[in-house]
N, C-alpha and C. Protein backbone atom coordinates (compact mmCIF):
# COMPACT_ATOMS: atom_id res chain seq x y z
N MET A 1 78.98 44.67 -60.58
CA MET A 1 78.63 43.81 -59.52
C MET A 1 79.18 44.32 -58.22
N GLU A 2 78.31 44.53 -57.40
CA GLU A 2 78.72 45.07 -56.11
C GLU A 2 78.77 43.95 -55.09
N THR A 3 79.76 44.02 -54.25
CA THR A 3 79.87 43.03 -53.20
C THR A 3 79.35 43.64 -51.89
N GLU A 4 78.65 42.85 -51.24
CA GLU A 4 78.05 43.31 -49.98
C GLU A 4 78.98 42.97 -48.83
N LYS A 5 79.25 43.96 -47.98
CA LYS A 5 80.10 43.72 -46.82
C LYS A 5 79.23 43.39 -45.64
N ARG A 6 79.58 42.37 -44.97
CA ARG A 6 78.83 41.97 -43.77
C ARG A 6 79.62 42.38 -42.56
N THR A 7 78.88 42.89 -41.57
CA THR A 7 79.53 43.28 -40.32
C THR A 7 79.66 42.04 -39.45
N SER A 8 80.82 41.93 -38.88
CA SER A 8 81.09 40.77 -38.03
C SER A 8 80.25 40.83 -36.76
N PRO A 9 79.75 39.66 -36.27
CA PRO A 9 78.97 39.67 -35.03
C PRO A 9 79.77 40.14 -33.83
N TRP A 10 81.06 40.04 -33.89
CA TRP A 10 81.90 40.48 -32.77
C TRP A 10 81.82 41.99 -32.59
N VAL A 11 81.53 42.72 -33.61
CA VAL A 11 81.38 44.18 -33.52
C VAL A 11 80.16 44.49 -32.65
N TYR A 12 79.08 43.76 -32.85
CA TYR A 12 77.87 43.98 -32.06
C TYR A 12 78.08 43.59 -30.58
N VAL A 13 78.82 42.53 -30.38
CA VAL A 13 79.13 42.09 -29.00
C VAL A 13 80.00 43.14 -28.32
N ALA A 14 80.98 43.67 -29.03
CA ALA A 14 81.87 44.68 -28.45
C ALA A 14 81.09 45.97 -28.16
N LEU A 15 80.20 46.33 -29.08
CA LEU A 15 79.38 47.53 -28.87
C LEU A 15 78.47 47.37 -27.65
N ALA A 16 77.84 46.23 -27.47
CA ALA A 16 76.98 45.96 -26.30
C ALA A 16 77.80 45.99 -25.02
N ALA A 17 79.01 45.44 -25.05
CA ALA A 17 79.87 45.42 -23.86
C ALA A 17 80.26 46.85 -23.48
N VAL A 18 80.55 47.69 -24.45
CA VAL A 18 80.92 49.09 -24.18
C VAL A 18 79.73 49.83 -23.57
N ILE A 19 78.53 49.60 -24.07
CA ILE A 19 77.34 50.27 -23.55
C ILE A 19 77.07 49.83 -22.11
N ILE A 20 77.15 48.55 -21.83
CA ILE A 20 76.92 48.03 -20.48
C ILE A 20 77.97 48.56 -19.51
N LEU A 21 79.22 48.56 -19.96
CA LEU A 21 80.31 49.08 -19.10
C LEU A 21 80.12 50.56 -18.82
N SER A 22 79.67 51.32 -19.81
CA SER A 22 79.41 52.76 -19.62
C SER A 22 78.30 52.98 -18.60
N LEU A 23 77.24 52.20 -18.70
CA LEU A 23 76.14 52.33 -17.74
C LEU A 23 76.60 51.99 -16.32
N ALA A 24 77.37 50.94 -16.19
CA ALA A 24 77.86 50.54 -14.86
C ALA A 24 78.75 51.63 -14.26
N CYS A 25 79.64 52.18 -15.07
CA CYS A 25 80.50 53.26 -14.58
C CYS A 25 79.68 54.48 -14.20
N GLY A 26 78.66 54.78 -14.98
CA GLY A 26 77.80 55.92 -14.67
C GLY A 26 77.06 55.73 -13.35
N LEU A 27 76.61 54.51 -13.11
CA LEU A 27 75.94 54.23 -11.83
C LEU A 27 76.88 54.40 -10.66
N VAL A 28 78.09 53.89 -10.78
CA VAL A 28 79.06 53.99 -9.68
C VAL A 28 79.43 55.44 -9.44
N VAL A 29 79.75 56.17 -10.49
CA VAL A 29 80.13 57.57 -10.34
C VAL A 29 78.95 58.39 -9.79
N GLY A 30 77.76 58.14 -10.28
CA GLY A 30 76.58 58.85 -9.78
C GLY A 30 76.30 58.54 -8.32
N GLY A 31 76.47 57.27 -7.93
CA GLY A 31 76.24 56.89 -6.53
C GLY A 31 77.24 57.54 -5.59
N VAL A 32 78.52 57.53 -5.98
CA VAL A 32 79.56 58.17 -5.14
C VAL A 32 79.32 59.66 -5.08
N GLY A 33 79.00 60.26 -6.23
CA GLY A 33 78.74 61.71 -6.25
C GLY A 33 77.55 62.07 -5.37
N GLY A 34 76.47 61.30 -5.45
CA GLY A 34 75.29 61.56 -4.62
C GLY A 34 75.60 61.41 -3.13
N TYR A 35 76.41 60.41 -2.80
CA TYR A 35 76.81 60.20 -1.40
C TYR A 35 77.58 61.40 -0.89
N LEU A 36 78.54 61.87 -1.67
CA LEU A 36 79.36 63.00 -1.23
C LEU A 36 78.54 64.28 -1.12
N VAL A 37 77.66 64.51 -2.06
CA VAL A 37 76.80 65.70 -2.00
C VAL A 37 75.88 65.62 -0.79
N GLY A 38 75.33 64.44 -0.53
CA GLY A 38 74.46 64.26 0.63
C GLY A 38 75.18 64.48 1.94
N ARG A 39 76.42 64.00 2.02
CA ARG A 39 77.19 64.21 3.26
C ARG A 39 77.48 65.68 3.48
N LYS A 40 77.83 66.37 2.40
CA LYS A 40 78.14 67.79 2.54
C LYS A 40 76.89 68.58 2.93
N GLY A 41 75.73 68.21 2.37
CA GLY A 41 74.48 68.89 2.70
C GLY A 41 74.02 68.60 4.11
N ALA A 42 74.39 67.44 4.64
CA ALA A 42 73.96 67.07 5.98
C ALA A 42 74.93 67.53 7.05
N HIS A 43 76.02 68.16 6.66
CA HIS A 43 77.00 68.62 7.63
C HIS A 43 76.37 69.66 8.56
N VAL A 44 76.49 69.43 9.84
CA VAL A 44 75.89 70.31 10.83
C VAL A 44 76.97 71.22 11.38
N SER A 45 76.66 72.48 11.40
CA SER A 45 77.60 73.44 11.95
C SER A 45 77.73 73.24 13.45
N ARG A 46 78.94 73.32 13.93
CA ARG A 46 79.19 73.12 15.37
C ARG A 46 79.18 74.43 16.14
N THR A 47 78.83 75.51 15.48
CA THR A 47 78.78 76.78 16.19
C THR A 47 77.49 76.86 16.98
N PRO A 48 77.55 77.37 18.20
CA PRO A 48 76.33 77.45 19.02
C PRO A 48 75.35 78.45 18.43
N PRO A 49 74.07 78.23 18.64
CA PRO A 49 73.08 79.18 18.12
C PRO A 49 73.19 80.51 18.85
N PRO A 50 72.71 81.56 18.23
CA PRO A 50 72.76 82.86 18.89
C PRO A 50 71.98 82.82 20.20
N THR A 51 72.50 83.45 21.23
CA THR A 51 71.87 83.41 22.55
C THR A 51 70.53 84.13 22.56
N ALA A 52 70.32 85.05 21.66
CA ALA A 52 69.05 85.77 21.65
C ALA A 52 67.90 84.84 21.25
N LEU A 53 68.19 83.80 20.47
CA LEU A 53 67.14 82.90 20.02
C LEU A 53 66.95 81.70 20.94
N ALA A 54 67.94 81.44 21.78
CA ALA A 54 67.84 80.27 22.65
C ALA A 54 66.85 80.53 23.78
N PRO A 55 65.97 79.57 24.08
CA PRO A 55 65.03 79.77 25.18
C PRO A 55 65.76 79.75 26.52
N GLN A 56 65.32 80.59 27.38
CA GLN A 56 65.92 80.68 28.71
C GLN A 56 65.36 79.58 29.59
N ALA A 57 66.23 78.87 30.27
CA ALA A 57 65.80 77.82 31.18
C ALA A 57 65.24 78.45 32.45
N THR A 58 64.08 78.00 32.84
CA THR A 58 63.49 78.47 34.08
C THR A 58 63.18 77.27 34.94
N SER A 59 63.24 77.46 36.19
CA SER A 59 62.90 76.35 37.08
C SER A 59 61.62 76.68 37.82
N THR A 60 60.78 75.69 37.93
CA THR A 60 59.53 75.84 38.65
C THR A 60 59.76 75.36 40.07
N PRO A 61 59.51 76.21 41.04
CA PRO A 61 59.74 75.77 42.41
C PRO A 61 58.76 74.66 42.80
N VAL A 62 59.29 73.65 43.42
CA VAL A 62 58.47 72.54 43.90
C VAL A 62 58.48 72.60 45.42
N PRO A 63 57.30 72.68 46.03
CA PRO A 63 57.28 72.76 47.48
C PRO A 63 57.84 71.47 48.09
N ALA A 64 58.62 71.66 49.11
CA ALA A 64 59.21 70.51 49.79
C ALA A 64 58.13 69.77 50.58
N GLU A 65 58.15 68.46 50.47
CA GLU A 65 57.19 67.65 51.20
C GLU A 65 57.79 67.33 52.56
N PRO A 66 57.05 67.55 53.63
CA PRO A 66 57.60 67.26 54.95
C PRO A 66 58.00 65.79 55.07
N GLU A 67 59.09 65.53 55.76
CA GLU A 67 59.60 64.17 55.92
C GLU A 67 58.55 63.23 56.50
N SER A 68 57.71 63.73 57.40
CA SER A 68 56.73 62.85 58.05
C SER A 68 55.68 62.34 57.07
N GLN A 69 55.48 63.03 55.91
CA GLN A 69 54.46 62.62 54.95
C GLN A 69 55.01 61.74 53.84
N ARG A 70 56.32 61.57 53.79
CA ARG A 70 56.91 60.75 52.74
C ARG A 70 56.83 59.27 53.13
N PRO A 71 56.35 58.44 52.22
CA PRO A 71 56.35 57.01 52.54
C PRO A 71 57.76 56.47 52.50
N GLU A 72 58.05 55.48 53.32
CA GLU A 72 59.37 54.89 53.31
C GLU A 72 59.61 54.13 52.02
N ARG A 73 58.56 53.61 51.44
CA ARG A 73 58.65 52.92 50.15
C ARG A 73 57.27 52.92 49.52
N PHE A 74 57.23 52.48 48.29
CA PHE A 74 55.94 52.38 47.63
C PHE A 74 55.08 51.35 48.35
N ILE A 75 53.79 51.59 48.32
CA ILE A 75 52.85 50.63 48.88
C ILE A 75 52.29 49.83 47.73
N PHE A 76 52.44 48.53 47.78
CA PHE A 76 51.93 47.65 46.76
C PHE A 76 50.69 46.96 47.29
N PRO A 77 49.53 47.34 46.80
CA PRO A 77 48.31 46.70 47.29
C PRO A 77 48.27 45.23 46.89
N ARG A 78 47.63 44.44 47.74
CA ARG A 78 47.50 43.02 47.45
C ARG A 78 46.10 42.77 46.89
N PHE A 79 46.07 42.27 45.68
CA PHE A 79 44.81 41.84 45.11
C PHE A 79 45.13 40.81 44.05
N ALA A 80 44.22 39.87 43.88
CA ALA A 80 44.45 38.79 42.94
C ALA A 80 43.81 39.07 41.59
N TYR A 81 42.84 39.96 41.56
CA TYR A 81 42.09 40.19 40.33
C TYR A 81 41.54 41.60 40.37
N GLY A 82 41.43 42.24 39.21
CA GLY A 82 40.88 43.59 39.18
C GLY A 82 40.44 43.97 37.78
N ALA A 83 39.88 45.14 37.67
CA ALA A 83 39.41 45.68 36.39
C ALA A 83 40.10 47.02 36.18
N LEU A 84 41.02 47.08 35.23
CA LEU A 84 41.74 48.30 34.90
C LEU A 84 40.84 49.19 34.06
N VAL A 85 40.57 50.40 34.52
CA VAL A 85 39.68 51.32 33.82
C VAL A 85 40.41 51.90 32.61
N ARG A 86 39.89 51.58 31.41
CA ARG A 86 40.50 52.05 30.17
C ARG A 86 39.83 53.31 29.65
N SER A 87 38.53 53.48 29.94
CA SER A 87 37.84 54.71 29.55
C SER A 87 36.66 54.92 30.49
N VAL A 88 36.30 56.19 30.65
CA VAL A 88 35.18 56.57 31.52
C VAL A 88 34.22 57.39 30.67
N THR A 89 32.94 56.98 30.67
CA THR A 89 31.92 57.71 29.91
C THR A 89 31.71 59.08 30.54
N GLU A 90 31.92 60.12 29.74
CA GLU A 90 31.76 61.48 30.24
C GLU A 90 30.33 61.71 30.71
N GLY A 91 30.19 62.19 31.94
CA GLY A 91 28.88 62.46 32.51
C GLY A 91 28.18 61.22 33.04
N GLY A 92 28.81 60.06 32.93
CA GLY A 92 28.22 58.81 33.42
C GLY A 92 28.39 58.67 34.93
N PRO A 93 27.82 57.63 35.51
CA PRO A 93 27.89 57.45 36.96
C PRO A 93 29.32 57.40 37.50
N ALA A 94 30.21 56.66 36.84
CA ALA A 94 31.59 56.56 37.32
C ALA A 94 32.30 57.91 37.24
N ASP A 95 32.06 58.64 36.16
CA ASP A 95 32.66 59.97 36.00
C ASP A 95 32.20 60.92 37.10
N LYS A 96 30.90 60.92 37.38
CA LYS A 96 30.37 61.79 38.43
C LYS A 96 30.94 61.44 39.80
N ALA A 97 31.24 60.16 40.02
CA ALA A 97 31.76 59.72 41.32
C ALA A 97 33.26 59.94 41.46
N GLY A 98 33.96 60.21 40.33
CA GLY A 98 35.39 60.48 40.41
C GLY A 98 36.29 59.34 39.98
N VAL A 99 35.75 58.32 39.32
CA VAL A 99 36.58 57.24 38.79
C VAL A 99 37.37 57.80 37.61
N LYS A 100 38.66 57.42 37.50
CA LYS A 100 39.52 57.95 36.45
C LYS A 100 40.13 56.82 35.63
N VAL A 101 40.52 57.15 34.41
CA VAL A 101 41.24 56.19 33.58
C VAL A 101 42.53 55.82 34.31
N GLY A 102 42.84 54.54 34.36
CA GLY A 102 44.03 54.06 35.05
C GLY A 102 43.74 53.49 36.43
N ASP A 103 42.55 53.82 36.99
CA ASP A 103 42.16 53.23 38.27
C ASP A 103 41.99 51.72 38.08
N ILE A 104 42.21 50.98 39.15
CA ILE A 104 42.00 49.55 39.12
C ILE A 104 40.91 49.25 40.15
N ILE A 105 39.77 48.78 39.69
CA ILE A 105 38.66 48.43 40.58
C ILE A 105 38.94 47.01 41.07
N VAL A 106 39.09 46.84 42.38
CA VAL A 106 39.43 45.52 42.93
C VAL A 106 38.29 44.89 43.71
N ALA A 107 37.29 45.68 44.11
CA ALA A 107 36.16 45.14 44.87
C ALA A 107 34.94 46.03 44.68
N VAL A 108 33.77 45.42 44.84
CA VAL A 108 32.50 46.14 44.84
C VAL A 108 31.78 45.74 46.11
N ASP A 109 31.39 46.75 46.91
CA ASP A 109 30.74 46.51 48.20
C ASP A 109 31.57 45.56 49.08
N ASP A 110 32.87 45.81 49.12
CA ASP A 110 33.84 45.05 49.92
C ASP A 110 33.95 43.57 49.53
N GLU A 111 33.41 43.19 48.39
CA GLU A 111 33.55 41.82 47.88
C GLU A 111 34.56 41.86 46.73
N PRO A 112 35.71 41.20 46.88
CA PRO A 112 36.74 41.25 45.83
C PRO A 112 36.23 40.69 44.50
N LEU A 113 36.72 41.30 43.42
CA LEU A 113 36.42 40.78 42.09
C LEU A 113 37.26 39.52 41.85
N SER A 114 36.78 38.66 40.97
CA SER A 114 37.49 37.43 40.62
C SER A 114 37.08 37.05 39.21
N PRO A 115 37.73 36.04 38.63
CA PRO A 115 37.32 35.64 37.28
C PRO A 115 35.85 35.20 37.23
N GLU A 116 35.37 34.62 38.31
CA GLU A 116 33.97 34.19 38.36
C GLU A 116 33.04 35.35 38.70
N ARG A 117 33.56 36.37 39.35
CA ARG A 117 32.78 37.53 39.81
C ARG A 117 33.42 38.79 39.22
N ASP A 118 33.34 38.94 37.91
CA ASP A 118 33.96 40.09 37.27
C ASP A 118 33.07 41.33 37.41
N LEU A 119 33.62 42.48 37.06
CA LEU A 119 32.92 43.75 37.26
C LEU A 119 31.58 43.80 36.52
N ARG A 120 31.56 43.35 35.28
CA ARG A 120 30.31 43.42 34.50
C ARG A 120 29.21 42.59 35.17
N THR A 121 29.55 41.38 35.62
CA THR A 121 28.57 40.52 36.27
C THR A 121 28.05 41.15 37.55
N VAL A 122 28.95 41.74 38.33
CA VAL A 122 28.55 42.36 39.59
C VAL A 122 27.64 43.55 39.34
N ILE A 123 28.00 44.42 38.41
CA ILE A 123 27.19 45.61 38.13
C ILE A 123 25.82 45.20 37.60
N GLN A 124 25.77 44.21 36.72
CA GLN A 124 24.48 43.81 36.16
C GLN A 124 23.61 43.04 37.15
N SER A 125 24.18 42.65 38.29
CA SER A 125 23.36 42.02 39.32
C SER A 125 22.60 43.06 40.15
N HIS A 126 22.92 44.35 39.95
CA HIS A 126 22.23 45.44 40.64
C HIS A 126 21.18 46.05 39.73
N ARG A 127 20.40 46.94 40.31
CA ARG A 127 19.39 47.68 39.57
C ARG A 127 19.86 49.11 39.33
N PRO A 128 19.37 49.73 38.26
CA PRO A 128 19.67 51.15 38.07
C PRO A 128 19.22 51.94 39.30
N GLY A 129 20.06 52.87 39.74
CA GLY A 129 19.75 53.68 40.92
C GLY A 129 20.34 53.12 42.20
N ASP A 130 20.79 51.85 42.19
CA ASP A 130 21.44 51.29 43.38
C ASP A 130 22.76 52.02 43.64
N HIS A 131 23.13 52.09 44.89
CA HIS A 131 24.41 52.66 45.28
C HIS A 131 25.37 51.51 45.55
N VAL A 132 26.56 51.57 44.96
CA VAL A 132 27.60 50.57 45.20
C VAL A 132 28.86 51.29 45.64
N GLU A 133 29.67 50.60 46.43
CA GLU A 133 30.94 51.16 46.87
C GLU A 133 32.06 50.42 46.15
N LEU A 134 32.81 51.17 45.34
CA LEU A 134 33.93 50.59 44.60
C LEU A 134 35.19 50.76 45.43
N THR A 135 35.98 49.71 45.53
CA THR A 135 37.31 49.80 46.12
C THR A 135 38.26 49.86 44.94
N ILE A 136 39.01 50.96 44.86
CA ILE A 136 39.92 51.13 43.73
C ILE A 136 41.34 51.35 44.21
N VAL A 137 42.25 51.03 43.32
CA VAL A 137 43.66 51.34 43.51
C VAL A 137 44.00 52.36 42.43
N ARG A 138 44.52 53.49 42.84
CA ARG A 138 44.91 54.53 41.90
C ARG A 138 46.44 54.58 41.92
N PRO A 139 47.09 54.36 40.78
CA PRO A 139 48.55 54.28 40.78
C PRO A 139 49.27 55.43 41.48
N GLY A 140 48.80 56.64 41.37
CA GLY A 140 49.45 57.76 42.05
C GLY A 140 49.36 57.67 43.56
N ASP A 141 48.33 57.00 44.07
CA ASP A 141 48.18 56.86 45.51
C ASP A 141 49.26 55.98 46.11
N MET A 142 49.77 55.03 45.32
CA MET A 142 50.80 54.13 45.85
C MET A 142 52.05 54.91 46.22
N VAL A 143 52.33 55.98 45.47
CA VAL A 143 53.49 56.80 45.76
C VAL A 143 53.25 57.64 47.01
N ARG A 144 52.02 58.03 47.22
CA ARG A 144 51.69 58.89 48.35
C ARG A 144 51.45 58.10 49.63
N GLY A 145 51.67 56.80 49.61
CA GLY A 145 51.55 56.00 50.81
C GLY A 145 50.15 55.49 51.09
N ARG A 146 49.30 55.50 50.08
CA ARG A 146 47.92 55.04 50.26
C ARG A 146 47.67 53.94 49.24
N ALA A 147 47.14 52.82 49.68
CA ALA A 147 46.98 51.69 48.77
C ALA A 147 45.63 51.68 48.07
N GLU A 148 44.56 51.94 48.79
CA GLU A 148 43.22 51.82 48.21
C GLU A 148 42.38 53.03 48.61
N ARG A 149 41.34 53.25 47.84
CA ARG A 149 40.34 54.26 48.20
C ARG A 149 38.98 53.70 47.88
N LYS A 150 37.97 54.21 48.55
CA LYS A 150 36.58 53.78 48.35
C LYS A 150 35.83 54.92 47.68
N ILE A 151 35.03 54.57 46.68
CA ILE A 151 34.22 55.56 45.97
C ILE A 151 32.80 55.01 45.88
N GLU A 152 31.84 55.84 46.30
CA GLU A 152 30.44 55.43 46.19
C GLU A 152 29.88 55.94 44.88
N VAL A 153 29.16 55.04 44.17
CA VAL A 153 28.61 55.36 42.85
C VAL A 153 27.13 54.99 42.83
N GLU A 154 26.32 55.90 42.30
CA GLU A 154 24.91 55.57 42.03
C GLU A 154 24.84 55.10 40.59
N LEU A 155 24.44 53.85 40.38
CA LEU A 155 24.42 53.26 39.05
C LEU A 155 23.35 53.90 38.17
N GLY A 156 23.70 54.08 36.93
CA GLY A 156 22.75 54.60 35.95
C GLY A 156 22.05 53.45 35.25
N SER A 157 21.40 53.75 34.14
CA SER A 157 20.70 52.70 33.40
C SER A 157 21.00 52.80 31.93
N GLN A 158 20.92 51.65 31.27
CA GLN A 158 21.05 51.58 29.82
C GLN A 158 20.32 50.34 29.33
N ARG A 159 20.11 50.25 28.05
CA ARG A 159 19.44 49.08 27.47
C ARG A 159 20.50 48.08 27.02
N ASP A 160 20.27 46.80 27.31
CA ASP A 160 21.18 45.76 26.85
C ASP A 160 20.79 45.31 25.45
N GLU A 161 21.43 44.25 24.94
CA GLU A 161 21.18 43.77 23.58
C GLU A 161 19.74 43.33 23.36
N GLN A 162 19.07 42.86 24.42
CA GLN A 162 17.69 42.42 24.30
C GLN A 162 16.69 43.54 24.55
N GLY A 163 17.17 44.75 24.81
CA GLY A 163 16.28 45.88 25.05
C GLY A 163 15.86 46.02 26.50
N LYS A 164 16.41 45.20 27.37
CA LYS A 164 16.08 45.25 28.79
C LYS A 164 16.92 46.34 29.48
N THR A 165 16.29 47.07 30.43
CA THR A 165 17.01 48.10 31.16
C THR A 165 17.87 47.44 32.24
N VAL A 166 19.17 47.77 32.21
CA VAL A 166 20.13 47.19 33.16
C VAL A 166 20.94 48.31 33.81
N ALA A 167 21.61 47.96 34.91
CA ALA A 167 22.46 48.91 35.61
C ALA A 167 23.68 49.26 34.75
N PHE A 168 24.16 50.49 34.89
CA PHE A 168 25.22 51.02 34.05
C PHE A 168 26.22 51.78 34.92
N LEU A 169 27.51 51.42 34.84
CA LEU A 169 28.55 52.11 35.59
C LEU A 169 29.22 53.18 34.73
N GLY A 170 29.39 52.93 33.45
CA GLY A 170 29.98 53.93 32.55
C GLY A 170 31.49 53.85 32.46
N VAL A 171 32.04 52.63 32.45
CA VAL A 171 33.47 52.45 32.26
C VAL A 171 33.72 51.31 31.27
N THR A 172 34.85 51.38 30.61
CA THR A 172 35.36 50.27 29.82
C THR A 172 36.58 49.77 30.57
N VAL A 173 36.66 48.45 30.78
CA VAL A 173 37.76 47.92 31.60
C VAL A 173 38.48 46.79 30.89
N ALA A 174 39.69 46.52 31.35
CA ALA A 174 40.46 45.35 30.95
C ALA A 174 40.72 44.57 32.24
N GLU A 175 40.47 43.28 32.19
CA GLU A 175 40.66 42.46 33.38
C GLU A 175 42.15 42.19 33.58
N ILE A 176 42.60 42.29 34.82
CA ILE A 176 43.98 41.96 35.14
C ILE A 176 43.97 40.94 36.25
N GLY A 177 44.91 40.01 36.21
CA GLY A 177 44.87 38.90 37.16
C GLY A 177 46.07 38.85 38.07
N ARG A 178 46.23 37.71 38.68
CA ARG A 178 47.26 37.45 39.67
C ARG A 178 48.64 37.84 39.14
N GLY A 179 49.46 38.35 40.03
CA GLY A 179 50.82 38.71 39.68
C GLY A 179 51.01 40.20 39.47
N MET A 180 49.94 40.91 39.21
CA MET A 180 50.04 42.35 39.04
C MET A 180 50.14 42.99 40.41
N PHE A 181 51.11 43.82 40.65
CA PHE A 181 51.32 44.50 41.92
C PHE A 181 51.55 43.52 43.06
N ALA A 182 52.34 42.53 42.87
CA ALA A 182 52.67 41.61 43.97
C ALA A 182 53.61 42.32 44.95
N GLU A 183 53.51 42.00 46.19
CA GLU A 183 54.35 42.61 47.22
C GLU A 183 55.80 42.17 47.00
N PRO A 184 56.73 43.11 46.88
CA PRO A 184 58.14 42.73 46.67
C PRO A 184 58.72 42.17 47.96
N GLU A 185 59.65 41.27 47.78
CA GLU A 185 60.32 40.69 48.95
C GLU A 185 61.50 41.58 49.31
N ASP A 186 61.71 41.76 50.61
CA ASP A 186 62.81 42.61 51.07
C ASP A 186 64.11 41.86 51.06
C-alpha cells in the first residue's frame, strides 16, 4: 500500500511569489540598465568640430538706405474692412495686374469694402472685361512709408453655379474686419 504525498498549497503560493518578485526585479534592473546605456549613447562630445568641415560665415553687404527715405515709424493704414488675399490664380486678371498673396484689398473704384459690400459682391456687379481700380495695402509697403497702392485690373470671365458668365478677379480672400491695423496711440 502506497501512501500518496500531497503538496501543500503554500508551496504553490511561495513559488508564485518568487516568480512575480523575479519579474519585478528584472523589470527594475532592465529599466535602470536601459536608462544608463541610453545616457551614455546620447553623450555629446564637447570638442569643437574640425575647422575644415565648418562652413565659413559670409556677410552679404546691404546697401545703406539714405536717412531721408527712412520712415520715422511704420505707417498703419486706416480701414474698417478688407479682403486678405490668400491665393492668386496664376495667369488670372489679378495675377496679371500684380496682386500678390498677403495684399489686403480695402476698396474697389475708391469705394471702401464693408460687410454689406464685400469683394465678391462688388466684382460680380461688374461685367467681364470691365476695368476696376483696386486699392490695396501691401504689408511691406507699411515699412517703406507707403500705406496704400492702386492697381488697375481688367476683369476676366468664368461660369457661376448656374452656368451664367460672370466677372472674375482670380483671387481667394479672407475677410478681415475692424481692429486690424488700427492706428497706435502715441
